[in-house]
PDB file of N, CA and C in Angstrom:
ATOM      1  N   MET A   1     138.776 166.941  98.630  1.00  0.00           N
ATOM      2  CA  MET A   1     137.647 166.069  98.533  1.00  0.00           C
ATOM      3  C   MET A   1     137.995 164.765  97.836  1.00  0.00           C
ATOM      4  N   SER A   2     138.912 164.820  96.883  1.00  0.00           N
ATOM      5  CA  SER A   2     139.261 163.608  96.148  1.00  0.00           C
ATOM      6  C   SER A   2     140.074 162.639  97.010  1.00  0.00           C
ATOM      7  N   GLU A   3     140.749 163.147  98.045  1.00  0.00           N
ATOM      8  CA  GLU A   3     141.532 162.246  98.875  1.00  0.00           C
ATOM      9  C   GLU A   3     140.663 161.359  99.748  1.00  0.00           C
ATOM     10  N   HIS A   4     139.424 161.700  99.974  1.00  0.00           N
ATOM     11  CA  HIS A   4     138.528 160.863 100.771  1.00  0.00           C
ATOM     12  C   HIS A   4     137.943 159.724  99.943  1.00  0.00           C
ATOM     13  N   ASP A   5     137.997 159.834  98.640  1.00  0.00           N
ATOM     14  CA  ASP A   5     137.429 158.808  97.789  1.00  0.00           C
ATOM     15  C   ASP A   5     138.443 157.748  97.366  1.00  0.00           C
ATOM     16  N   ARG A   6     139.676 157.939  97.728  1.00  0.00           N
ATOM     17  CA  ARG A   6     140.704 156.994  97.312  1.00  0.00           C
ATOM     18  C   ARG A   6     140.643 155.713  98.129  1.00  0.00           C
ATOM     19  N   PHE A   7     140.980 154.641  97.449  1.00  0.00           N
ATOM     20  CA  PHE A   7     141.060 153.340  98.105  1.00  0.00           C
ATOM     21  C   PHE A   7     142.531 152.990  98.258  1.00  0.00           C
ATOM     22  N   THR A   8     143.053 153.055  99.454  1.00  0.00           N
ATOM     23  CA  THR A   8     144.452 152.756  99.692  1.00  0.00           C
ATOM     24  C   THR A   8     144.587 151.664 100.741  1.00  0.00           C
ATOM     25  N   ALA A   9     145.779 151.126 100.838  1.00  0.00           N
ATOM     26  CA  ALA A   9     146.037 150.082 101.831  1.00  0.00           C
ATOM     27  C   ALA A   9     146.027 150.651 103.245  1.00  0.00           C
ATOM     28  N   ASP A  10     146.284 151.946 103.386  1.00  0.00           N
ATOM     29  CA  ASP A  10     146.293 152.538 104.723  1.00  0.00           C
ATOM     30  C   ASP A  10     144.913 152.558 105.351  1.00  0.00           C
ATOM     31  N   THR A  11     143.870 152.618 104.543  1.00  0.00           N
ATOM     32  CA  THR A  11     142.527 152.611 105.114  1.00  0.00           C
ATOM     33  C   THR A  11     142.132 151.223 105.592  1.00  0.00           C
ATOM     34  N   LEU A  12     142.708 150.182 104.999  1.00  0.00           N
ATOM     35  CA  LEU A  12     142.383 148.823 105.422  1.00  0.00           C
ATOM     36  C   LEU A  12     143.243 148.363 106.590  1.00  0.00           C
ATOM     37  N   ASP A  13     144.532 148.556 106.486  1.00  0.00           N
ATOM     38  CA  ASP A  13     145.463 148.083 107.505  1.00  0.00           C
ATOM     39  C   ASP A  13     146.570 149.119 107.687  1.00  0.00           C
ATOM     40  N   PRO A  14     146.388 150.039 108.609  1.00  0.00           N
ATOM     41  CA  PRO A  14     147.381 151.103 108.735  1.00  0.00           C
ATOM     42  C   PRO A  14     148.744 150.620 109.223  1.00  0.00           C
ATOM     43  N   SER A  15     148.804 149.504 109.935  1.00  0.00           N
ATOM     44  CA  SER A  15     150.095 149.038 110.437  1.00  0.00           C
ATOM     45  C   SER A  15     150.882 148.267 109.382  1.00  0.00           C
ATOM     46  N   GLY A  16     150.228 147.770 108.331  1.00  0.00           N
ATOM     47  CA  GLY A  16     150.907 147.064 107.260  1.00  0.00           C
ATOM     48  C   GLY A  16     151.228 145.615 107.562  1.00  0.00           C
ATOM     49  N   THR A  17     150.611 145.031 108.579  1.00  0.00           N
ATOM     50  CA  THR A  17     150.919 143.642 108.931  1.00  0.00           C
ATOM     51  C   THR A  17     150.425 142.656 107.879  1.00  0.00           C
ATOM     52  N   THR A  18     149.337 142.980 107.203  1.00  0.00           N
ATOM     53  CA  THR A  18     148.831 142.087 106.159  1.00  0.00           C
ATOM     54  C   THR A  18     149.813 142.010 105.001  1.00  0.00           C
ATOM     55  N   ASP A  19     150.337 143.153 104.601  1.00  0.00           N
ATOM     56  CA  ASP A  19     151.326 143.170 103.517  1.00  0.00           C
ATOM     57  C   ASP A  19     152.607 142.472 103.937  1.00  0.00           C
ATOM     58  N   HIS A  20     152.999 142.660 105.179  1.00  0.00           N
ATOM     59  CA  HIS A  20     154.214 142.026 105.677  1.00  0.00           C
ATOM     60  C   HIS A  20     154.057 140.510 105.690  1.00  0.00           C
ATOM     61  N   ALA A  21     152.925 140.006 106.146  1.00  0.00           N
ATOM     62  CA  ALA A  21     152.699 138.565 106.194  1.00  0.00           C
ATOM     63  C   ALA A  21     152.669 137.963 104.791  1.00  0.00           C
ATOM     64  N   ALA A  22     152.064 138.642 103.844  1.00  0.00           N
ATOM     65  CA  ALA A  22     152.016 138.149 102.466  1.00  0.00           C
ATOM     66  C   ALA A  22     153.409 138.124 101.844  1.00  0.00           C
ATOM     67  N   THR A  23     154.212 139.139 102.125  1.00  0.00           N
ATOM     68  CA  THR A  23     155.580 139.178 101.621  1.00  0.00           C
ATOM     69  C   THR A  23     156.409 138.059 102.221  1.00  0.00           C
ATOM     70  N   TYR A  24     156.259 137.819 103.509  1.00  0.00           N
ATOM     71  CA  TYR A  24     157.003 136.757 104.177  1.00  0.00           C
ATOM     72  C   TYR A  24     156.619 135.387 103.630  1.00  0.00           C
ATOM     73  N   GLN A  25     155.322 135.147 103.446  1.00  0.00           N
ATOM     74  CA  GLN A  25     154.880 133.864 102.907  1.00  0.00           C
ATOM     75  C   GLN A  25     155.398 133.640 101.486  1.00  0.00           C
ATOM     76  N   GLY A  26     155.409 134.674 100.680  1.00  0.00           N
ATOM     77  CA  GLY A  26     155.955 134.565  99.331  1.00  0.00           C
ATOM     78  C   GLY A  26     157.443 134.294  99.339  1.00  0.00           C
ATOM     79  N   PHE A  27     158.155 134.953 100.249  1.00  0.00           N
ATOM     80  CA  PHE A  27     159.597 134.730 100.363  1.00  0.00           C
ATOM     81  C   PHE A  27     159.906 133.297 100.757  1.00  0.00           C
ATOM     82  N   VAL A  28     159.194 132.769 101.731  1.00  0.00           N
ATOM     83  CA  VAL A  28     159.428 131.399 102.184  1.00  0.00           C
ATOM     84  C   VAL A  28     159.090 130.409 101.071  1.00  0.00           C
ATOM     85  N   LYS A  29     157.998 130.657 100.360  1.00  0.00           N
ATOM     86  CA  LYS A  29     157.583 129.773  99.273  1.00  0.00           C
ATOM     87  C   LYS A  29     158.657 129.674  98.205  1.00  0.00           C
ATOM     88  N   TYR A  30     159.164 130.806  97.762  1.00  0.00           N
ATOM     89  CA  TYR A  30     160.151 130.787  96.688  1.00  0.00           C
ATOM     90  C   TYR A  30     161.546 130.405  97.187  1.00  0.00           C
ATOM     91  N   ALA A  31     161.834 130.575  98.464  1.00  0.00           N
ATOM     92  CA  ALA A  31     163.104 130.111  99.016  1.00  0.00           C
ATOM     93  C   ALA A  31     163.149 128.582  99.049  1.00  0.00           C
ATOM     94  N   VAL A  32     162.047 127.961  99.418  1.00  0.00           N
ATOM     95  CA  VAL A  32     161.974 126.497  99.403  1.00  0.00           C
ATOM     96  C   VAL A  32     162.073 125.988  97.971  1.00  0.00           C
ATOM     97  N   ALA A  33     161.388 126.654  97.048  1.00  0.00           N
ATOM     98  CA  ALA A  33     161.454 126.251  95.641  1.00  0.00           C
ATOM     99  C   ALA A  33     162.880 126.379  95.108  1.00  0.00           C
ATOM    100  N   LEU A  34     163.584 127.419  95.493  1.00  0.00           N
ATOM    101  CA  LEU A  34     164.967 127.605  95.055  1.00  0.00           C
ATOM    102  C   LEU A  34     165.877 126.520  95.627  1.00  0.00           C
ATOM    103  N   CYS A  35     165.660 126.135  96.873  1.00  0.00           N
ATOM    104  CA  CYS A  35     166.471 125.069  97.475  1.00  0.00           C
ATOM    105  C   CYS A  35     166.250 123.741  96.761  1.00  0.00           C
ATOM    106  N   ILE A  36     165.022 123.421  96.435  1.00  0.00           N
ATOM    107  CA  ILE A  36     164.737 122.176  95.719  1.00  0.00           C
ATOM    108  C   ILE A  36     165.331 122.223  94.317  1.00  0.00           C
ATOM    109  N   ALA A  37     165.231 123.374  93.656  1.00  0.00           N
ATOM    110  CA  ALA A  37     165.808 123.517  92.319  1.00  0.00           C
ATOM    111  C   ALA A  37     167.323 123.359  92.365  1.00  0.00           C
ATOM    112  N   CYS A  38     167.971 123.916  93.364  1.00  0.00           N
ATOM    113  CA  CYS A  38     169.422 123.769  93.502  1.00  0.00           C
ATOM    114  C   CYS A  38     169.801 122.313  93.740  1.00  0.00           C
ATOM    115  N   PHE A  39     169.013 121.604  94.525  1.00  0.00           N
ATOM    116  CA  PHE A  39     169.282 120.182  94.776  1.00  0.00           C
ATOM    117  C   PHE A  39     169.164 119.377  93.486  1.00  0.00           C
ATOM    118  N   ILE A  40     168.146 119.652  92.693  1.00  0.00           N
ATOM    119  CA  ILE A  40     167.970 118.933  91.422  1.00  0.00           C
ATOM    120  C   ILE A  40     169.119 119.246  90.472  1.00  0.00           C
ATOM    121  N   ILE A  41     169.507 120.503  90.394  1.00  0.00           N
ATOM    122  CA  ILE A  41     170.595 120.893  89.491  1.00  0.00           C
ATOM    123  C   ILE A  41     171.920 120.280  89.938  1.00  0.00           C
ATOM    124  N   LEU A  42     172.205 120.293  91.232  1.00  0.00           N
ATOM    125  CA  LEU A  42     173.447 119.698  91.726  1.00  0.00           C
ATOM    126  C   LEU A  42     173.474 118.187  91.528  1.00  0.00           C
ATOM    127  N   THR A  43     172.319 117.540  91.657  1.00  0.00           N
ATOM    128  CA  THR A  43     172.258 116.107  91.405  1.00  0.00           C
ATOM    129  C   THR A  43     172.561 115.801  89.945  1.00  0.00           C
ATOM    130  N   SER A  44     172.004 116.607  89.053  1.00  0.00           N
ATOM    131  CA  SER A  44     172.286 116.368  87.636  1.00  0.00           C
ATOM    132  C   SER A  44     173.743 116.680  87.303  1.00  0.00           C
ATOM    133  N   LEU A  45     174.331 117.679  87.932  1.00  0.00           N
ATOM    134  CA  LEU A  45     175.745 117.968  87.705  1.00  0.00           C
ATOM    135  C   LEU A  45     176.640 116.839  88.200  1.00  0.00           C
ATOM    136  N   CYS A  46     176.293 116.238  89.318  1.00  0.00           N
ATOM    137  CA  CYS A  46     177.055 115.086  89.808  1.00  0.00           C
ATOM    138  C   CYS A  46     176.926 113.916  88.845  1.00  0.00           C
ATOM    139  N   LEU A  47     175.754 113.752  88.281  1.00  0.00           N
ATOM    140  CA  LEU A  47     175.568 112.686  87.311  1.00  0.00           C
ATOM    141  C   LEU A  47     176.366 112.952  86.042  1.00  0.00           C
ATOM    142  N   PHE A  48     176.434 114.216  85.624  1.00  0.00           N
ATOM    143  CA  PHE A  48     177.236 114.563  84.448  1.00  0.00           C
ATOM    144  C   PHE A  48     178.718 114.297  84.696  1.00  0.00           C
ATOM    145  N   ALA A  49     179.201 114.644  85.863  1.00  0.00           N
ATOM    146  CA  ALA A  49     180.634 114.568  86.144  1.00  0.00           C
ATOM    147  C   ALA A  49     181.101 113.155  86.474  1.00  0.00           C
ATOM    148  N   PHE A  50     180.326 112.420  87.254  1.00  0.00           N
ATOM    149  CA  PHE A  50     180.801 111.152  87.785  1.00  0.00           C
ATOM    150  C   PHE A  50     180.069 109.938  87.238  1.00  0.00           C
ATOM    151  N   GLY A  51     179.056 110.152  86.416  1.00  0.00           N
ATOM    152  CA  GLY A  51     178.285 109.037  85.888  1.00  0.00           C
ATOM    153  C   GLY A  51     179.006 108.319  84.768  1.00  0.00           C
ATOM    154  N   PRO A  52     178.525 107.123  84.438  1.00  0.00           N
ATOM    155  CA  PRO A  52     179.131 106.380  83.336  1.00  0.00           C
ATOM    156  C   PRO A  52     178.783 107.029  81.997  1.00  0.00           C
ATOM    157  N   SER A  53     179.367 106.511  80.942  1.00  0.00           N
ATOM    158  CA  SER A  53     179.056 107.063  79.626  1.00  0.00           C
ATOM    159  C   SER A  53     177.580 106.822  79.318  1.00  0.00           C
ATOM    160  N   GLY A  54     176.944 107.787  78.734  1.00  0.00           N
ATOM    161  CA  GLY A  54     175.514 107.699  78.456  1.00  0.00           C
ATOM    162  C   GLY A  54     174.658 108.286  79.562  1.00  0.00           C
ATOM    163  N   SER A  55     175.269 108.769  80.634  1.00  0.00           N
ATOM    164  CA  SER A  55     174.484 109.334  81.725  1.00  0.00           C
ATOM    165  C   SER A  55     174.079 110.778  81.447  1.00  0.00           C
ATOM    166  N   LEU A  56     174.555 111.321  80.344  1.00  0.00           N
ATOM    167  CA  LEU A  56     174.159 112.673  79.954  1.00  0.00           C
ATOM    168  C   LEU A  56     172.654 112.733  79.696  1.00  0.00           C
ATOM    169  N   PHE A  57     172.130 111.699  79.068  1.00  0.00           N
ATOM    170  CA  PHE A  57     170.694 111.615  78.808  1.00  0.00           C
ATOM    171  C   PHE A  57     169.905 111.555  80.115  1.00  0.00           C
ATOM    172  N   TYR A  58     170.366 110.736  81.054  1.00  0.00           N
ATOM    173  CA  TYR A  58     169.678 110.609  82.340  1.00  0.00           C
ATOM    174  C   TYR A  58     169.757 111.908  83.150  1.00  0.00           C
ATOM    175  N   GLY A  59     170.890 112.581  83.063  1.00  0.00           N
ATOM    176  CA  GLY A  59     171.046 113.838  83.791  1.00  0.00           C
ATOM    177  C   GLY A  59     170.104 114.912  83.291  1.00  0.00           C
ATOM    178  N   PHE A  60     170.047 115.076  81.966  1.00  0.00           N
ATOM    179  CA  PHE A  60     169.135 116.078  81.416  1.00  0.00           C
ATOM    180  C   PHE A  60     167.679 115.680  81.607  1.00  0.00           C
ATOM    181  N   GLY A  61     167.392 114.389  81.500  1.00  0.00           N
ATOM    182  CA  GLY A  61     166.016 113.929  81.729  1.00  0.00           C
ATOM    183  C   GLY A  61     165.557 114.197  83.149  1.00  0.00           C
ATOM    184  N   GLY A  62     166.403 113.868  84.113  1.00  0.00           N
ATOM    185  CA  GLY A  62     166.051 114.130  85.509  1.00  0.00           C
ATOM    186  C   GLY A  62     165.946 115.611  85.811  1.00  0.00           C
ATOM    187  N   LEU A  63     166.821 116.393  85.184  1.00  0.00           N
ATOM    188  CA  LEU A  63     166.776 117.844  85.376  1.00  0.00           C
ATOM    189  C   LEU A  63     165.470 118.428  84.854  1.00  0.00           C
ATOM    190  N   ILE A  64     165.073 118.032  83.670  1.00  0.00           N
ATOM    191  CA  ILE A  64     163.844 118.564  83.080  1.00  0.00           C
ATOM    192  C   ILE A  64     162.620 118.091  83.843  1.00  0.00           C
ATOM    193  N   ILE A  65     162.555 116.810  84.173  1.00  0.00           N
ATOM    194  CA  ILE A  65     161.402 116.280  84.912  1.00  0.00           C
ATOM    195  C   ILE A  65     161.321 116.898  86.305  1.00  0.00           C
ATOM    196  N   GLY A  66     162.464 117.051  86.961  1.00  0.00           N
ATOM    197  CA  GLY A  66     162.467 117.653  88.297  1.00  0.00           C
ATOM    198  C   GLY A  66     162.023 119.101  88.298  1.00  0.00           C
ATOM    199  N   LEU A  67     162.480 119.865  87.320  1.00  0.00           N
ATOM    200  CA  LEU A  67     162.079 121.272  87.265  1.00  0.00           C
ATOM    201  C   LEU A  67     160.618 121.433  86.863  1.00  0.00           C
ATOM    202  N   ILE A  68     160.109 120.541  86.017  1.00  0.00           N
ATOM    203  CA  ILE A  68     158.675 120.585  85.687  1.00  0.00           C
ATOM    204  C   ILE A  68     157.842 120.256  86.921  1.00  0.00           C
ATOM    205  N   ALA A  69     158.268 119.254  87.694  1.00  0.00           N
ATOM    206  CA  ALA A  69     157.560 118.935  88.935  1.00  0.00           C
ATOM    207  C   ALA A  69     157.603 120.098  89.914  1.00  0.00           C
ATOM    208  N   LEU A  70     158.716 120.800  89.957  1.00  0.00           N
ATOM    209  CA  LEU A  70     158.837 121.967  90.827  1.00  0.00           C
ATOM    210  C   LEU A  70     157.900 123.084  90.387  1.00  0.00           C
ATOM    211  N   ILE A  71     157.816 123.316  89.096  1.00  0.00           N
ATOM    212  CA  ILE A  71     156.899 124.342  88.585  1.00  0.00           C
ATOM    213  C   ILE A  71     155.452 123.982  88.909  1.00  0.00           C
ATOM    214  N   ILE A  72     155.118 122.705  88.801  1.00  0.00           N
ATOM    215  CA  ILE A  72     153.758 122.280  89.147  1.00  0.00           C
ATOM    216  C   ILE A  72     153.482 122.536  90.622  1.00  0.00           C
ATOM    217  N   ASP A  73     154.431 122.206  91.497  1.00  0.00           N
ATOM    218  CA  ASP A  73     154.236 122.452  92.928  1.00  0.00           C
ATOM    219  C   ASP A  73     154.116 123.939  93.252  1.00  0.00           C
ATOM    220  N   VAL A  74     154.891 124.764  92.583  1.00  0.00           N
ATOM    221  CA  VAL A  74     154.801 126.213  92.827  1.00  0.00           C
ATOM    222  C   VAL A  74     153.452 126.735  92.371  1.00  0.00           C
ATOM    223  N   ARG A  75     152.980 126.273  91.221  1.00  0.00           N
ATOM    224  CA  ARG A  75     151.694 126.748  90.695  1.00  0.00           C
ATOM    225  C   ARG A  75     150.524 126.267  91.538  1.00  0.00           C
ATOM    226  N   ILE A  76     150.621 125.049  92.087  1.00  0.00           N
ATOM    227  CA  ILE A  76     149.544 124.543  92.942  1.00  0.00           C
ATOM    228  C   ILE A  76     149.479 125.357  94.229  1.00  0.00           C
ATOM    229  N   GLY A  77     150.622 125.610  94.826  1.00  0.00           N
ATOM    230  CA  GLY A  77     150.693 126.466  95.993  1.00  0.00           C
ATOM    231  C   GLY A  77     150.182 125.860  97.279  1.00  0.00           C
ATOM    232  N   SER A  78     150.171 124.525  97.379  1.00  0.00           N
ATOM    233  CA  SER A  78     149.667 123.902  98.597  1.00  0.00           C
ATOM    234  C   SER A  78     150.661 123.979  99.747  1.00  0.00           C
ATOM    235  N   GLY A  79     151.951 124.115  99.425  1.00  0.00           N
ATOM    236  CA  GLY A  79     152.959 124.213 100.463  1.00  0.00           C
ATOM    237  C   GLY A  79     153.478 122.879 100.934  1.00  0.00           C
ATOM    238  N   ASN A  80     153.034 121.779 100.333  1.00  0.00           N
ATOM    239  CA  ASN A  80     153.492 120.457 100.758  1.00  0.00           C
ATOM    240  C   ASN A  80     154.794 120.048 100.096  1.00  0.00           C
ATOM    241  N   TRP A  81     155.011 120.442  98.854  1.00  0.00           N
ATOM    242  CA  TRP A  81     156.206 120.126  98.075  1.00  0.00           C
ATOM    243  C   TRP A  81     156.405 118.630  97.931  1.00  0.00           C
ATOM    244  N   LEU A  82     155.328 117.864  97.906  1.00  0.00           N
ATOM    245  CA  LEU A  82     155.446 116.411  97.825  1.00  0.00           C
ATOM    246  C   LEU A  82     155.899 115.954  96.441  1.00  0.00           C
ATOM    247  N   LEU A  83     155.357 116.538  95.401  1.00  0.00           N
ATOM    248  CA  LEU A  83     155.702 116.113  94.053  1.00  0.00           C
ATOM    249  C   LEU A  83     157.160 116.416  93.734  1.00  0.00           C
ATOM    250  N   SER A  84     157.569 117.647  93.908  1.00  0.00           N
ATOM    251  CA  SER A  84     158.939 118.015  93.556  1.00  0.00           C
ATOM    252  C   SER A  84     159.953 117.408  94.515  1.00  0.00           C
ATOM    253  N   GLY A  85     159.621 117.315  95.774  1.00  0.00           N
ATOM    254  CA  GLY A  85     160.525 116.677  96.736  1.00  0.00           C
ATOM    255  C   GLY A  85     160.687 115.195  96.471  1.00  0.00           C
ATOM    256  N   GLY A  86     159.591 114.535  96.106  1.00  0.00           N
ATOM    257  CA  GLY A  86     159.651 113.122  95.777  1.00  0.00           C
ATOM    258  C   GLY A  86     160.439 112.862  94.514  1.00  0.00           C
ATOM    259  N   VAL A  87     160.217 113.685  93.496  1.00  0.00           N
ATOM    260  CA  VAL A  87     160.967 113.529  92.244  1.00  0.00           C
ATOM    261  C   VAL A  87     162.451 113.797  92.486  1.00  0.00           C
ATOM    262  N   ALA A  88     162.770 114.802  93.285  1.00  0.00           N
ATOM    263  CA  ALA A  88     164.170 115.104  93.582  1.00  0.00           C
ATOM    264  C   ALA A  88     164.834 113.965  94.351  1.00  0.00           C
ATOM    265  N   ALA A  89     164.130 113.384  95.298  1.00  0.00           N
ATOM    266  CA  ALA A  89     164.688 112.275  96.071  1.00  0.00           C
ATOM    267  C   ALA A  89     164.891 111.039  95.186  1.00  0.00           C
ATOM    268  N   LEU A  90     163.920 110.737  94.335  1.00  0.00           N
ATOM    269  CA  LEU A  90     164.070 109.597  93.435  1.00  0.00           C
ATOM    270  C   LEU A  90     165.200 109.816  92.429  1.00  0.00           C
ATOM    271  N   PHE A  91     165.330 111.040  91.952  1.00  0.00           N
ATOM    272  CA  PHE A  91     166.413 111.355  91.020  1.00  0.00           C
ATOM    273  C   PHE A  91     167.766 111.216  91.697  1.00  0.00           C
ATOM    274  N   ALA A  92     167.859 111.640  92.951  1.00  0.00           N
ATOM    275  CA  ALA A  92     169.118 111.511  93.688  1.00  0.00           C
ATOM    276  C   ALA A  92     169.470 110.050  93.932  1.00  0.00           C
ATOM    277  N   LEU A  93     168.487 109.226  94.254  1.00  0.00           N
ATOM    278  CA  LEU A  93     168.742 107.798  94.446  1.00  0.00           C
ATOM    279  C   LEU A  93     169.159 107.133  93.132  1.00  0.00           C
ATOM    280  N   PHE A  94     168.509 107.523  92.038  1.00  0.00           N
ATOM    281  CA  PHE A  94     168.860 106.990  90.730  1.00  0.00           C
ATOM    282  C   PHE A  94     170.282 107.390  90.340  1.00  0.00           C
ATOM    283  N   ALA A  95     170.622 108.651  90.612  1.00  0.00           N
ATOM    284  CA  ALA A  95     171.973 109.114  90.301  1.00  0.00           C
ATOM    285  C   ALA A  95     173.015 108.403  91.162  1.00  0.00           C
ATOM    286  N   ALA A  96     172.674 108.150  92.417  1.00  0.00           N
ATOM    287  CA  ALA A  96     173.610 107.444  93.301  1.00  0.00           C
ATOM    288  C   ALA A  96     173.829 106.003  92.828  1.00  0.00           C
ATOM    289  N   MET A  97     172.784 105.376  92.302  1.00  0.00           N
ATOM    290  CA  MET A  97     172.953 104.024  91.783  1.00  0.00           C
ATOM    291  C   MET A  97     173.820 104.020  90.522  1.00  0.00           C
ATOM    292  N   LEU A  98     173.685 105.030  89.680  1.00  0.00           N
ATOM    293  CA  LEU A  98     174.487 105.086  88.455  1.00  0.00           C
ATOM    294  C   LEU A  98     175.946 105.416  88.738  1.00  0.00           C
ATOM    295  N   VAL A  99     176.179 106.264  89.701  1.00  0.00           N
ATOM    296  CA  VAL A  99     177.549 106.703  89.975  1.00  0.00           C
ATOM    297  C   VAL A  99     178.349 105.613  90.676  1.00  0.00           C
ATOM    298  N   SER A 100     177.727 104.905  91.578  1.00  0.00           N
ATOM    299  CA  SER A 100     178.497 103.904  92.346  1.00  0.00           C
ATOM    300  C   SER A 100     178.726 102.618  91.597  1.00  0.00           C
TER     301      SER A 100
END
């Protein structure tokens, strides 16, 4: 009798497609966030290695600002990635100007 009163996912969606879609969307969301984070980190590493003296400050500043923008985009969850992508692109252009 107690098994009829339970609330399980099988009673709502026996095929599990809802859970599968939610897992896939979460995977894609965090995969994009990881790619942007890797781009920001690699840009700061290039600035550390090839930048002029004093670029350590700019590298850490861009790294911190870029990762904060990424966290904001992940928390908003709109899927546009405009803030973190824009900050990453501007940081890369700034690093390219300093290195060359």
